[in-house]
Amino acid sequence: NGIKHAYFYTSFMDESRNKEIKPIIEEKLKVNLKQFYIPSIIA
């Protein structure tokens, strides 16, 4: 059906980990991911 919204949530304090992981997912999905922190009620 295609992707309408795609988000990457993170609780990594080390930004290098986000920069490592997020591109892997974007490459697999072929879309740019909007990045947010994981909400505190889940974190």
PDB file of all heavy atoms in Angstrom:
ATOM      1  N   ASN A   1       0.791  -1.228   0.000  1.00  0.00           N
ATOM      2  CA  ASN A   1       0.000   0.000   0.000  1.00  0.00           C
ATOM      3  C   ASN A   1       0.825   1.282   0.000  1.00  0.00           C
ATOM      4  O   ASN A   1       0.296   2.358  -0.269  1.00  0.00           O
ATOM      5  CB  ASN A   1      -0.937   0.012   1.210  1.00  0.00           C
ATOM      6  CG  ASN A   1      -1.936  -1.131   1.180  1.00  0.00           C
ATOM      7  OD1 ASN A   1      -2.351  -1.567   0.109  1.00  0.00           O
ATOM      8  ND2 ASN A   1      -2.313  -1.639   2.347  1.00  0.00           N
ATOM      9  N   GLY A   2       2.103   1.187   0.317  1.00  0.00           N
ATOM     10  CA  GLY A   2       2.950   2.366   0.381  1.00  0.00           C
ATOM     11  C   GLY A   2       2.989   2.957   1.787  1.00  0.00           C
ATOM     12  O   GLY A   2       2.141   2.652   2.630  1.00  0.00           O
ATOM     13  N   ILE A   3       3.966   3.810   2.025  1.00  0.00           N
ATOM     14  CA  ILE A   3       4.182   4.391   3.343  1.00  0.00           C
ATOM     15  C   ILE A   3       3.682   5.834   3.361  1.00  0.00           C
ATOM     16  O   ILE A   3       4.116   6.653   2.551  1.00  0.00           O
ATOM     17  CB  ILE A   3       5.679   4.351   3.713  1.00  0.00           C
ATOM     18  CG1 ILE A   3       6.140   2.896   3.840  1.00  0.00           C
ATOM     19  CG2 ILE A   3       5.938   5.111   5.009  1.00  0.00           C
ATOM     20  CD1 ILE A   3       7.641   2.747   4.052  1.00  0.00           C
ATOM     21  N   LYS A   4       2.795   6.133   4.298  1.00  0.00           N
ATOM     22  CA  LYS A   4       2.283   7.489   4.464  1.00  0.00           C
ATOM     23  C   LYS A   4       3.128   8.263   5.480  1.00  0.00           C
ATOM     24  O   LYS A   4       3.478   9.417   5.264  1.00  0.00           O
ATOM     25  CB  LYS A   4       0.825   7.459   4.917  1.00  0.00           C
ATOM     26  CG  LYS A   4       0.167   8.835   4.950  1.00  0.00           C
ATOM     27  CD  LYS A   4      -1.338   8.729   5.129  1.00  0.00           C
ATOM     28  CE  LYS A   4      -1.991  10.097   4.981  1.00  0.00           C
ATOM     29  NZ  LYS A   4      -3.474   9.985   5.040  1.00  0.00           N
ATOM     30  N   HIS A   5       3.422   7.640   6.613  1.00  0.00           N
ATOM     31  CA  HIS A   5       4.280   8.231   7.629  1.00  0.00           C
ATOM     32  C   HIS A   5       5.279   7.178   8.096  1.00  0.00           C
ATOM     33  O   HIS A   5       4.913   6.004   8.251  1.00  0.00           O
ATOM     34  CB  HIS A   5       3.473   8.711   8.841  1.00  0.00           C
ATOM     35  CG  HIS A   5       2.538   9.832   8.554  1.00  0.00           C
ATOM     36  ND1 HIS A   5       1.175   9.642   8.383  1.00  0.00           N
ATOM     37  CD2 HIS A   5       2.757  11.161   8.399  1.00  0.00           C
ATOM     38  CE1 HIS A   5       0.606  10.799   8.132  1.00  0.00           C
ATOM     39  NE2 HIS A   5       1.529  11.735   8.131  1.00  0.00           N
ATOM     40  N   ALA A   6       6.519   7.594   8.331  1.00  0.00           N
ATOM     41  CA  ALA A   6       7.546   6.687   8.855  1.00  0.00           C
ATOM     42  C   ALA A   6       8.393   7.446   9.868  1.00  0.00           C
ATOM     43  O   ALA A   6       8.974   8.483   9.540  1.00  0.00           O
ATOM     44  CB  ALA A   6       8.415   6.150   7.717  1.00  0.00           C
ATOM     45  N   TYR A   7       8.451   6.914  11.095  1.00  0.00           N
ATOM     46  CA  TYR A   7       9.140   7.597  12.181  1.00  0.00           C
ATOM     47  C   TYR A   7      10.220   6.697  12.791  1.00  0.00           C
ATOM     48  O   TYR A   7      10.066   5.477  12.858  1.00  0.00           O
ATOM     49  CB  TYR A   7       8.167   7.978  13.302  1.00  0.00           C
ATOM     50  CG  TYR A   7       7.044   8.903  12.890  1.00  0.00           C
ATOM     51  CD1 TYR A   7       5.844   8.916  13.599  1.00  0.00           C
ATOM     52  CD2 TYR A   7       7.156   9.762  11.796  1.00  0.00           C
ATOM     53  CE1 TYR A   7       4.802   9.754  13.245  1.00  0.00           C
ATOM     54  CE2 TYR A   7       6.124  10.605  11.433  1.00  0.00           C
ATOM     55  CZ  TYR A   7       4.933  10.598  12.168  1.00  0.00           C
ATOM     56  OH  TYR A   7       3.903  11.426  11.808  1.00  0.00           O
ATOM     57  N   PHE A   8      11.279   7.346  13.233  1.00  0.00           N
ATOM     58  CA  PHE A   8      12.340   6.673  13.994  1.00  0.00           C
ATOM     59  C   PHE A   8      12.347   7.274  15.387  1.00  0.00           C
ATOM     60  O   PHE A   8      12.611   8.461  15.560  1.00  0.00           O
ATOM     61  CB  PHE A   8      13.695   6.891  13.306  1.00  0.00           C
ATOM     62  CG  PHE A   8      14.876   6.372  14.082  1.00  0.00           C
ATOM     63  CD1 PHE A   8      15.144   5.018  14.155  1.00  0.00           C
ATOM     64  CD2 PHE A   8      15.742   7.249  14.733  1.00  0.00           C
ATOM     65  CE1 PHE A   8      16.238   4.538  14.857  1.00  0.00           C
ATOM     66  CE2 PHE A   8      16.836   6.786  15.440  1.00  0.00           C
ATOM     67  CZ  PHE A   8      17.086   5.425  15.503  1.00  0.00           C
ATOM     68  N   TYR A   9      12.005   6.459  16.375  1.00  0.00           N
ATOM     69  CA  TYR A   9      12.034   6.897  17.772  1.00  0.00           C
ATOM     70  C   TYR A   9      13.320   6.390  18.426  1.00  0.00           C
ATOM     71  O   TYR A   9      13.777   5.288  18.117  1.00  0.00           O
ATOM     72  CB  TYR A   9      10.843   6.335  18.549  1.00  0.00           C
ATOM     73  CG  TYR A   9       9.507   6.903  18.199  1.00  0.00           C
ATOM     74  CD1 TYR A   9       8.735   6.370  17.167  1.00  0.00           C
ATOM     75  CD2 TYR A   9       8.970   7.959  18.928  1.00  0.00           C
ATOM     76  CE1 TYR A   9       7.483   6.881  16.865  1.00  0.00           C
ATOM     77  CE2 TYR A   9       7.716   8.479  18.622  1.00  0.00           C
ATOM     78  CZ  TYR A   9       6.984   7.933  17.599  1.00  0.00           C
ATOM     79  OH  TYR A   9       5.743   8.444  17.292  1.00  0.00           O
ATOM     80  N   THR A  10      13.857   7.160  19.345  1.00  0.00           N
ATOM     81  CA  THR A  10      15.107   6.746  19.979  1.00  0.00           C
ATOM     82  C   THR A  10      15.195   7.219  21.424  1.00  0.00           C
ATOM     83  O   THR A  10      14.603   8.249  21.781  1.00  0.00           O
ATOM     84  CB  THR A  10      16.323   7.292  19.201  1.00  0.00           C
ATOM     85  OG1 THR A  10      17.527   6.887  19.860  1.00  0.00           O
ATOM     86  CG2 THR A  10      16.287   8.813  19.117  1.00  0.00           C
ATOM     87  N   SER A  11      15.910   6.448  22.230  1.00  0.00           N
ATOM     88  CA  SER A  11      16.268   6.913  23.572  1.00  0.00           C
ATOM     89  C   SER A  11      17.781   6.857  23.761  1.00  0.00           C
ATOM     90  O   SER A  11      18.270   6.928  24.876  1.00  0.00           O
ATOM     91  CB  SER A  11      15.560   6.071  24.650  1.00  0.00           C
ATOM     92  OG  SER A  11      15.993   4.722  24.617  1.00  0.00           O
ATOM     93  N   PHE A  12      18.508   6.713  22.654  1.00  0.00           N
ATOM     94  CA  PHE A  12      19.973   6.751  22.720  1.00  0.00           C
ATOM     95  C   PHE A  12      20.445   8.166  23.036  1.00  0.00           C
ATOM     96  O   PHE A  12      20.057   9.124  22.366  1.00  0.00           O
ATOM     97  CB  PHE A  12      20.595   6.319  21.383  1.00  0.00           C
ATOM     98  CG  PHE A  12      20.586   4.841  21.143  1.00  0.00           C
ATOM     99  CD1 PHE A  12      19.716   4.282  20.216  1.00  0.00           C
ATOM    100  CD2 PHE A  12      21.447   4.002  21.838  1.00  0.00           C
ATOM    101  CE1 PHE A  12      19.702   2.924  19.987  1.00  0.00           C
ATOM    102  CE2 PHE A  12      21.438   2.624  21.611  1.00  0.00           C
ATOM    103  CZ  PHE A  12      20.564   2.083  20.682  1.00  0.00           C
ATOM    104  N   MET A  13      21.257   8.290  24.057  1.00  0.00           N
ATOM    105  CA  MET A  13      21.869   9.572  24.368  1.00  0.00           C
ATOM    106  C   MET A  13      23.098   9.813  23.493  1.00  0.00           C
ATOM    107  O   MET A  13      23.504  10.947  23.265  1.00  0.00           O
ATOM    108  CB  MET A  13      22.254   9.645  25.843  1.00  0.00           C
ATOM    109  CG  MET A  13      21.071   9.624  26.804  1.00  0.00           C
ATOM    110  SD  MET A  13      20.009  11.101  26.654  1.00  0.00           S
ATOM    111  CE  MET A  13      18.653  10.485  25.644  1.00  0.00           C
ATOM    112  N   ASP A  14      23.679   8.724  23.011  1.00  0.00           N
ATOM    113  CA  ASP A  14      24.837   8.800  22.120  1.00  0.00           C
ATOM    114  C   ASP A  14      24.330   8.992  20.686  1.00  0.00           C
ATOM    115  O   ASP A  14      23.821   8.056  20.065  1.00  0.00           O
ATOM    116  CB  ASP A  14      25.657   7.514  22.242  1.00  0.00           C
ATOM    117  CG  ASP A  14      26.908   7.534  21.370  1.00  0.00           C
ATOM    118  OD1 ASP A  14      27.100   8.507  20.612  1.00  0.00           O
ATOM    119  OD2 ASP A  14      27.687   6.563  21.436  1.00  0.00           O
ATOM    120  N   GLU A  15      24.440  10.197  20.173  1.00  0.00           N
ATOM    121  CA  GLU A  15      23.891  10.511  18.859  1.00  0.00           C
ATOM    122  C   GLU A  15      24.533   9.673  17.755  1.00  0.00           C
ATOM    123  O   GLU A  15      23.907   9.429  16.705  1.00  0.00           O
ATOM    124  CB  GLU A  15      24.063  11.997  18.554  1.00  0.00           C
ATOM    125  CG  GLU A  15      23.416  12.474  17.263  1.00  0.00           C
ATOM    126  CD  GLU A  15      21.915  12.215  17.201  1.00  0.00           C
ATOM    127  OE1 GLU A  15      21.263  12.205  18.262  1.00  0.00           O
ATOM    128  OE2 GLU A  15      21.400  12.021  16.079  1.00  0.00           O
ATOM    129  N   SER A  16      25.742   9.198  17.978  1.00  0.00           N
ATOM    130  CA  SER A  16      26.398   8.379  16.960  1.00  0.00           C
ATOM    131  C   SER A  16      25.635   7.074  16.722  1.00  0.00           C
ATOM    132  O   SER A  16      25.643   6.537  15.615  1.00  0.00           O
ATOM    133  CB  SER A  16      27.844   8.070  17.365  1.00  0.00           C
ATOM    134  OG  SER A  16      27.899   7.238  18.512  1.00  0.00           O
ATOM    135  N   ARG A  17      24.954   6.577  17.750  1.00  0.00           N
ATOM    136  CA  ARG A  17      24.164   5.358  17.586  1.00  0.00           C
ATOM    137  C   ARG A  17      22.940   5.628  16.706  1.00  0.00           C
ATOM    138  O   ARG A  17      22.572   4.798  15.868  1.00  0.00           O
ATOM    139  CB  ARG A  17      23.714   4.834  18.955  1.00  0.00           C
ATOM    140  CG  ARG A  17      24.825   4.301  19.808  1.00  0.00           C
ATOM    141  CD  ARG A  17      25.349   2.979  19.267  1.00  0.00           C
ATOM    142  NE  ARG A  17      24.507   1.873  19.678  1.00  0.00           N
ATOM    143  CZ  ARG A  17      24.278   0.779  18.972  1.00  0.00           C
ATOM    144  NH1 ARG A  17      24.822   0.654  17.769  1.00  0.00           N
ATOM    145  NH2 ARG A  17      23.522  -0.191  19.419  1.00  0.00           N
ATOM    146  N   ASN A  18      22.334   6.796  16.876  1.00  0.00           N
ATOM    147  CA  ASN A  18      21.211   7.157  16.006  1.00  0.00           C
ATOM    148  C   ASN A  18      21.676   7.292  14.567  1.00  0.00           C
ATOM    149  O   ASN A  18      20.985   6.856  13.638  1.00  0.00           O
ATOM    150  CB  ASN A  18      20.581   8.471  16.482  1.00  0.00           C
ATOM    151  CG  ASN A  18      19.971   8.358  17.875  1.00  0.00           C
ATOM    152  OD1 ASN A  18      19.406   7.329  18.230  1.00  0.00           O
ATOM    153  ND2 ASN A  18      20.097   9.418  18.659  1.00  0.00           N
ATOM    154  N   LYS A  19      22.838   7.899  14.388  1.00  0.00           N
ATOM    155  CA  LYS A  19      23.381   8.086  13.043  1.00  0.00           C
ATOM    156  C   LYS A  19      23.800   6.759  12.417  1.00  0.00           C
ATOM    157  O   LYS A  19      23.891   6.644  11.186  1.00  0.00           O
ATOM    158  CB  LYS A  19      24.567   9.048  13.084  1.00  0.00           C
ATOM    159  CG  LYS A  19      24.165  10.481  13.427  1.00  0.00           C
ATOM    160  CD  LYS A  19      25.377  11.399  13.474  1.00  0.00           C
ATOM    161  CE  LYS A  19      24.948  12.833  13.786  1.00  0.00           C
ATOM    162  NZ  LYS A  19      26.115  13.754  13.875  1.00  0.00           N
ATOM    163  N   GLU A  20      24.062   5.773  13.249  1.00  0.00           N
ATOM    164  CA  GLU A  20      24.408   4.435  12.756  1.00  0.00           C
ATOM    165  C   GLU A  20      23.157   3.651  12.348  1.00  0.00           C
ATOM    166  O   GLU A  20      23.134   3.010  11.286  1.00  0.00           O
ATOM    167  CB  GLU A  20      25.159   3.672  13.847  1.00  0.00           C
ATOM    168  CG  GLU A  20      25.360   2.193  13.549  1.00  0.00           C
ATOM    169  CD  GLU A  20      25.761   1.383  14.774  1.00  0.00           C
ATOM    170  OE1 GLU A  20      26.042   1.983  15.837  1.00  0.00           O
ATOM    171  OE2 GLU A  20      25.781   0.145  14.667  1.00  0.00           O
ATOM    172  N   ILE A  21      22.130   3.702  13.184  1.00  0.00           N
ATOM    173  CA  ILE A  21      20.967   2.837  13.016  1.00  0.00           C
ATOM    174  C   ILE A  21      19.942   3.410  12.036  1.00  0.00           C
ATOM    175  O   ILE A  21      19.417   2.691  11.173  1.00  0.00           O
ATOM    176  CB  ILE A  21      20.295   2.577  14.382  1.00  0.00           C
ATOM    177  CG1 ILE A  21      21.265   1.813  15.290  1.00  0.00           C
ATOM    178  CG2 ILE A  21      18.988   1.800  14.213  1.00  0.00           C
ATOM    179  CD1 ILE A  21      20.827   1.752  16.734  1.00  0.00           C
ATOM    180  N   LYS A  22      19.654   4.685  12.152  1.00  0.00           N
ATOM    181  CA  LYS A  22      18.606   5.295  11.328  1.00  0.00           C
ATOM    182  C   LYS A  22      18.854   5.113   9.827  1.00  0.00           C
ATOM    183  O   LYS A  22      17.915   4.736   9.091  1.00  0.00           O
ATOM    184  CB  LYS A  22      18.479   6.778  11.679  1.00  0.00           C
ATOM    185  CG  LYS A  22      17.364   7.501  10.938  1.00  0.00           C
ATOM    186  CD  LYS A  22      17.353   8.983  11.289  1.00  0.00           C
ATOM    187  CE  LYS A  22      16.351   9.747  10.464  1.00  0.00           C
ATOM    188  NZ  LYS A  22      16.471  11.214  10.665  1.00  0.00           N
ATOM    189  N   PRO A  23      20.082   5.322   9.309  1.00  0.00           N
ATOM    190  CA  PRO A  23      20.309   5.124   7.865  1.00  0.00           C
ATOM    191  C   PRO A  23      20.086   3.687   7.409  1.00  0.00           C
ATOM    192  O   PRO A  23      19.691   3.462   6.249  1.00  0.00           O
ATOM    193  CB  PRO A  23      21.771   5.542   7.676  1.00  0.00           C
ATOM    194  CG  PRO A  23      22.062   6.466   8.819  1.00  0.00           C
ATOM    195  CD  PRO A  23      21.276   5.908   9.957  1.00  0.00           C
ATOM    196  N   ILE A  24      20.333   2.724   8.287  1.00  0.00           N
ATOM    197  CA  ILE A  24      20.089   1.321   7.926  1.00  0.00           C
ATOM    198  C   ILE A  24      18.611   1.116   7.628  1.00  0.00           C
ATOM    199  O   ILE A  24      18.237   0.485   6.633  1.00  0.00           O
ATOM    200  CB  ILE A  24      20.533   0.382   9.071  1.00  0.00           C
ATOM    201  CG1 ILE A  24      22.044   0.461   9.279  1.00  0.00           C
ATOM    202  CG2 ILE A  24      20.120  -1.063   8.762  1.00  0.00           C
ATOM    203  CD1 ILE A  24      22.541  -0.318  10.488  1.00  0.00           C
ATOM    204  N   ILE A  25      17.758   1.666   8.487  1.00  0.00           N
ATOM    205  CA  ILE A  25      16.310   1.526   8.311  1.00  0.00           C
ATOM    206  C   ILE A  25      15.853   2.298   7.074  1.00  0.00           C
ATOM    207  O   ILE A  25      15.034   1.812   6.287  1.00  0.00           O
ATOM    208  CB  ILE A  25      15.570   2.024   9.563  1.00  0.00           C
ATOM    209  CG1 ILE A  25      16.056   1.271  10.801  1.00  0.00           C
ATOM    210  CG2 ILE A  25      14.051   1.858   9.394  1.00  0.00           C
ATOM    211  CD1 ILE A  25      15.595   1.880  12.107  1.00  0.00           C
ATOM    212  N   GLU A  26      16.390   3.517   6.894  1.00  0.00           N
ATOM    213  CA  GLU A  26      16.006   4.330   5.732  1.00  0.00           C
ATOM    214  C   GLU A  26      16.376   3.637   4.428  1.00  0.00           C
ATOM    215  O   GLU A  26      15.610   3.688   3.455  1.00  0.00           O
ATOM    216  CB  GLU A  26      16.678   5.700   5.826  1.00  0.00           C
ATOM    217  CG  GLU A  26      16.106   6.576   6.930  1.00  0.00           C
ATOM    218  CD  GLU A  26      16.800   7.912   7.048  1.00  0.00           C
ATOM    219  OE1 GLU A  26      18.031   7.974   6.781  1.00  0.00           O
ATOM    220  OE2 GLU A  26      16.141   8.899   7.416  1.00  0.00           O
ATOM    221  N   GLU A  27      17.513   2.973   4.410  1.00  0.00           N
ATOM    222  CA  GLU A  27      17.940   2.262   3.208  1.00  0.00           C
ATOM    223  C   GLU A  27      16.984   1.107   2.901  1.00  0.00           C
ATOM    224  O   GLU A  27      16.643   0.853   1.739  1.00  0.00           O
ATOM    225  CB  GLU A  27      19.360   1.739   3.381  1.00  0.00           C
ATOM    226  CG  GLU A  27      19.876   0.878   2.231  1.00  0.00           C
ATOM    227  CD  GLU A  27      19.915   1.612   0.899  1.00  0.00           C
ATOM    228  OE1 GLU A  27      20.055   2.858   0.889  1.00  0.00           O
ATOM    229  OE2 GLU A  27      19.801   0.940  -0.143  1.00  0.00           O
ATOM    230  N   LYS A  28      16.537   0.418   3.935  1.00  0.00           N
ATOM    231  CA  LYS A  28      15.633  -0.715   3.734  1.00  0.00           C
ATOM    232  C   LYS A  28      14.248  -0.241   3.287  1.00  0.00           C
ATOM    233  O   LYS A  28      13.588  -0.900   2.480  1.00  0.00           O
ATOM    234  CB  LYS A  28      15.531  -1.539   5.022  1.00  0.00           C
ATOM    235  CG  LYS A  28      16.813  -2.286   5.389  1.00  0.00           C
ATOM    236  CD  LYS A  28      16.673  -3.029   6.700  1.00  0.00           C
ATOM    237  CE  LYS A  28      17.968  -3.736   7.079  1.00  0.00           C
ATOM    238  NZ  LYS A  28      18.305  -4.838   6.148  1.00  0.00           N
ATOM    239  N   LEU A  29      13.802   0.888   3.819  1.00  0.00           N
ATOM    240  CA  LEU A  29      12.469   1.393   3.496  1.00  0.00           C
ATOM    241  C   LEU A  29      12.448   2.298   2.268  1.00  0.00           C
ATOM    242  O   LEU A  29      11.389   2.549   1.690  1.00  0.00           O
ATOM    243  CB  LEU A  29      11.900   2.177   4.691  1.00  0.00           C
ATOM    244  CG  LEU A  29      11.574   1.383   5.948  1.00  0.00           C
ATOM    245  CD1 LEU A  29      11.134   2.328   7.062  1.00  0.00           C
ATOM    246  CD2 LEU A  29      10.481   0.363   5.675  1.00  0.00           C
ATOM    247  N   LYS A  30      13.620   2.848   1.930  1.00  0.00           N
ATOM    248  CA  LYS A  30      13.722   3.803   0.819  1.00  0.00           C
ATOM    249  C   LYS A  30      12.922   5.070   1.083  1.00  0.00           C
ATOM    250  O   LYS A  30      12.332   5.663   0.179  1.00  0.00           O
ATOM    251  CB  LYS A  30      13.255   3.165  -0.500  1.00  0.00           C
ATOM    252  CG  LYS A  30      13.955   1.863  -0.863  1.00  0.00           C
ATOM    253  CD  LYS A  30      15.460   2.023  -0.978  1.00  0.00           C
ATOM    254  CE  LYS A  30      16.129   0.708  -1.366  1.00  0.00           C
ATOM    255  NZ  LYS A  30      17.615   0.811  -1.347  1.00  0.00           N
ATOM    256  N   VAL A  31      12.881   5.489   2.344  1.00  0.00           N
ATOM    257  CA  VAL A  31      12.225   6.741   2.729  1.00  0.00           C
ATOM    258  C   VAL A  31      13.072   7.429   3.789  1.00  0.00           C
ATOM    259  O   VAL A  31      13.908   6.802   4.435  1.00  0.00           O
ATOM    260  CB  VAL A  31      10.801   6.510   3.300  1.00  0.00           C
ATOM    261  CG1 VAL A  31       9.891   5.873   2.268  1.00  0.00           C
ATOM    262  CG2 VAL A  31      10.849   5.681   4.572  1.00  0.00           C
ATOM    263  N   ASN A  32      12.856   8.734   3.945  1.00  0.00           N
ATOM    264  CA  ASN A  32      13.483   9.472   5.038  1.00  0.00           C
ATOM    265  C   ASN A  32      12.599   9.373   6.273  1.00  0.00           C
ATOM    266  O   ASN A  32      11.385   9.564   6.199  1.00  0.00           O
ATOM    267  CB  ASN A  32      13.686  10.944   4.657  1.00  0.00           C
ATOM    268  CG  ASN A  32      14.703  11.119   3.551  1.00  0.00           C
ATOM    269  OD1 ASN A  32      15.714  10.418   3.495  1.00  0.00           O
ATOM    270  ND2 ASN A  32      14.436  12.043   2.648  1.00  0.00           N
ATOM    271  N   LEU A  33      13.212   9.067   7.399  1.00  0.00           N
ATOM    272  CA  LEU A  33      12.475   8.907   8.651  1.00  0.00           C
ATOM    273  C   LEU A  33      12.502  10.192   9.464  1.00  0.00           C
ATOM    274  O   LEU A  33      13.555  10.805   9.628  1.00  0.00           O
ATOM    275  CB  LEU A  33      13.101   7.789   9.493  1.00  0.00           C
ATOM    276  CG  LEU A  33      13.077   6.380   8.908  1.00  0.00           C
ATOM    277  CD1 LEU A  33      13.989   5.472   9.721  1.00  0.00           C
ATOM    278  CD2 LEU A  33      11.664   5.826   8.907  1.00  0.00           C
ATOM    279  N   LYS A  34      11.344  10.601   9.982  1.00  0.00           N
ATOM    280  CA  LYS A  34      11.317  11.670  10.966  1.00  0.00           C
ATOM    281  C   LYS A  34      11.764  11.095  12.304  1.00  0.00           C
ATOM    282  O   LYS A  34      11.360   9.999  12.676  1.00  0.00           O
ATOM    283  CB  LYS A  34       9.906  12.252  11.095  1.00  0.00           C
ATOM    284  CG  LYS A  34       9.450  13.055   9.900  1.00  0.00           C
ATOM    285  CD  LYS A  34       8.093  13.701  10.174  1.00  0.00           C
ATOM    286  CE  LYS A  34       7.646  14.560   9.004  1.00  0.00           C
ATOM    287  NZ  LYS A  34       6.320  15.197   9.254  1.00  0.00           N
ATOM    288  N   GLN A  35      12.600  11.844  13.012  1.00  0.00           N
ATOM    289  CA  GLN A  35      13.164  11.329  14.259  1.00  0.00           C
ATOM    290  C   GLN A  35      12.535  12.007  15.481  1.00  0.00           C
ATOM    291  O   GLN A  35      12.365  13.224  15.511  1.00  0.00           O
ATOM    292  CB  GLN A  35      14.678  11.530  14.292  1.00  0.00           C
ATOM    293  CG  GLN A  35      15.351  10.967  15.541  1.00  0.00           C
ATOM    294  CD  GLN A  35      16.861  10.988  15.435  1.00  0.00           C
ATOM    295  OE1 GLN A  35      17.424  10.705  14.373  1.00  0.00           O
ATOM    296  NE2 GLN A  35      17.536  11.310  16.530  1.00  0.00           N
ATOM    297  N   PHE A  36      12.180  11.193  16.468  1.00  0.00           N
ATOM    298  CA  PHE A  36      11.628  11.680  17.728  1.00  0.00           C
ATOM    299  C   PHE A  36      12.243  10.901  18.875  1.00  0.00           C
ATOM    300  O   PHE A  36      12.723   9.780  18.692  1.00  0.00           O
ATOM    301  CB  PHE A  36      10.101  11.485  17.784  1.00  0.00           C
ATOM    302  CG  PHE A  36       9.331  12.147  16.681  1.00  0.00           C
ATOM    303  CD1 PHE A  36       8.973  11.443  15.539  1.00  0.00           C
ATOM    304  CD2 PHE A  36       8.956  13.476  16.776  1.00  0.00           C
ATOM    305  CE1 PHE A  36       8.258  12.043  14.515  1.00  0.00           C
ATOM    306  CE2 PHE A  36       8.237  14.094  15.767  1.00  0.00           C
ATOM    307  CZ  PHE A  36       7.892  13.384  14.637  1.00  0.00           C
ATOM    308  N   TYR A  37      12.208  11.485  20.061  1.00  0.00           N
ATOM    309  CA  TYR A  37      12.581  10.722  21.247  1.00  0.00           C
ATOM    310  C   TYR A  37      11.428   9.805  21.633  1.00  0.00           C
ATOM    311  O   TYR A  37      10.254  10.143  21.445  1.00  0.00           O
ATOM    312  CB  TYR A  37      12.912  11.650  22.417  1.00  0.00           C
ATOM    313  CG  TYR A  37      14.274  12.297  22.311  1.00  0.00           C
ATOM    314  CD1 TYR A  37      14.403  13.672  22.118  1.00  0.00           C
ATOM    315  CD2 TYR A  37      15.437  11.532  22.388  1.00  0.00           C
ATOM    316  CE1 TYR A  37      15.651  14.268  22.008  1.00  0.00           C
ATOM    317  CE2 TYR A  37      16.684  12.114  22.277  1.00  0.00           C
ATOM    318  CZ  TYR A  37      16.786  13.484  22.083  1.00  0.00           C
ATOM    319  OH  TYR A  37      18.017  14.063  21.970  1.00  0.00           O
ATOM    320  N   ILE A  38      11.757   8.640  22.159  1.00  0.00           N
ATOM    321  CA  ILE A  38      10.735   7.728  22.650  1.00  0.00           C
ATOM    322  C   ILE A  38       9.993   8.404  23.804  1.00  0.00           C
ATOM    323  O   ILE A  38      10.626   8.898  24.739  1.00  0.00           O
ATOM    324  CB  ILE A  38      11.365   6.400  23.120  1.00  0.00           C
ATOM    325  CG1 ILE A  38      11.907   5.623  21.905  1.00  0.00           C
ATOM    326  CG2 ILE A  38      10.360   5.549  23.897  1.00  0.00           C
ATOM    327  CD1 ILE A  38      12.614   4.334  22.261  1.00  0.00           C
ATOM    328  N   PRO A  39       8.664   8.464  23.762  1.00  0.00           N
ATOM    329  CA  PRO A  39       7.908   9.108  24.845  1.00  0.00           C
ATOM    330  C   PRO A  39       8.242   8.509  26.205  1.00  0.00           C
ATOM    331  O   PRO A  39       8.475   7.298  26.322  1.00  0.00           O
ATOM    332  CB  PRO A  39       6.455   8.842  24.461  1.00  0.00           C
ATOM    333  CG  PRO A  39       6.483   8.695  22.972  1.00  0.00           C
ATOM    334  CD  PRO A  39       7.783   8.001  22.677  1.00  0.00           C
ATOM    335  N   SER A  40       8.248   9.352  27.220  1.00  0.00           N
ATOM    336  CA  SER A  40       8.683   8.927  28.553  1.00  0.00           C
ATOM    337  C   SER A  40       7.843   7.790  29.111  1.00  0.00           C
ATOM    338  O   SER A  40       8.356   6.949  29.859  1.00  0.00           O
ATOM    339  CB  SER A  40       8.657  10.118  29.517  1.00  0.00           C
ATOM    340  OG  SER A  40       7.368  10.691  29.585  1.00  0.00           O
ATOM    341  N   ILE A  41       6.547   7.727  28.755  1.00  0.00           N
ATOM    342  CA  ILE A  41       5.689   6.675  29.289  1.00  0.00           C
ATOM    343  C   ILE A  41       6.114   5.291  28.786  1.00  0.00           C
ATOM    344  O   ILE A  41       5.816   4.272  29.414  1.00  0.00           O
ATOM    345  CB  ILE A  41       4.205   6.950  28.947  1.00  0.00           C
ATOM    346  CG1 ILE A  41       3.299   6.103  29.828  1.00  0.00           C
ATOM    347  CG2 ILE A  41       3.929   6.733  27.465  1.00  0.00           C
ATOM    348  CD1 ILE A  41       1.851   6.492  29.766  1.00  0.00           C
ATOM    349  N   ILE A  42       6.833   5.241  27.663  1.00  0.00           N
ATOM    350  CA  ILE A  42       7.404   3.988  27.166  1.00  0.00           C
ATOM    351  C   ILE A  42       8.837   3.835  27.653  1.00  0.00           C
ATOM    352  O   ILE A  42       9.258   2.753  28.085  1.00  0.00           O
ATOM    353  CB  ILE A  42       7.342   3.925  25.630  1.00  0.00           C
ATOM    354  CG1 ILE A  42       5.891   3.767  25.168  1.00  0.00           C
ATOM    355  CG2 ILE A  42       8.185   2.767  25.097  1.00  0.00           C
ATOM    356  CD1 ILE A  42       5.724   3.660  23.680  1.00  0.00           C
ATOM    357  N   ALA A  43       9.602   4.921  27.619  1.00  0.00           N
ATOM    358  CA  ALA A  43      11.016   4.868  28.020  1.00  0.00           C
ATOM    359  C   ALA A  43      11.187   4.444  29.470  1.00  0.00           C
ATOM    360  O   ALA A  43      12.197   3.838  29.831  1.00  0.00           O
ATOM    361  CB  ALA A  43      11.676   6.224  27.784  1.00  0.00           C
TER     362      ALA A  43
END
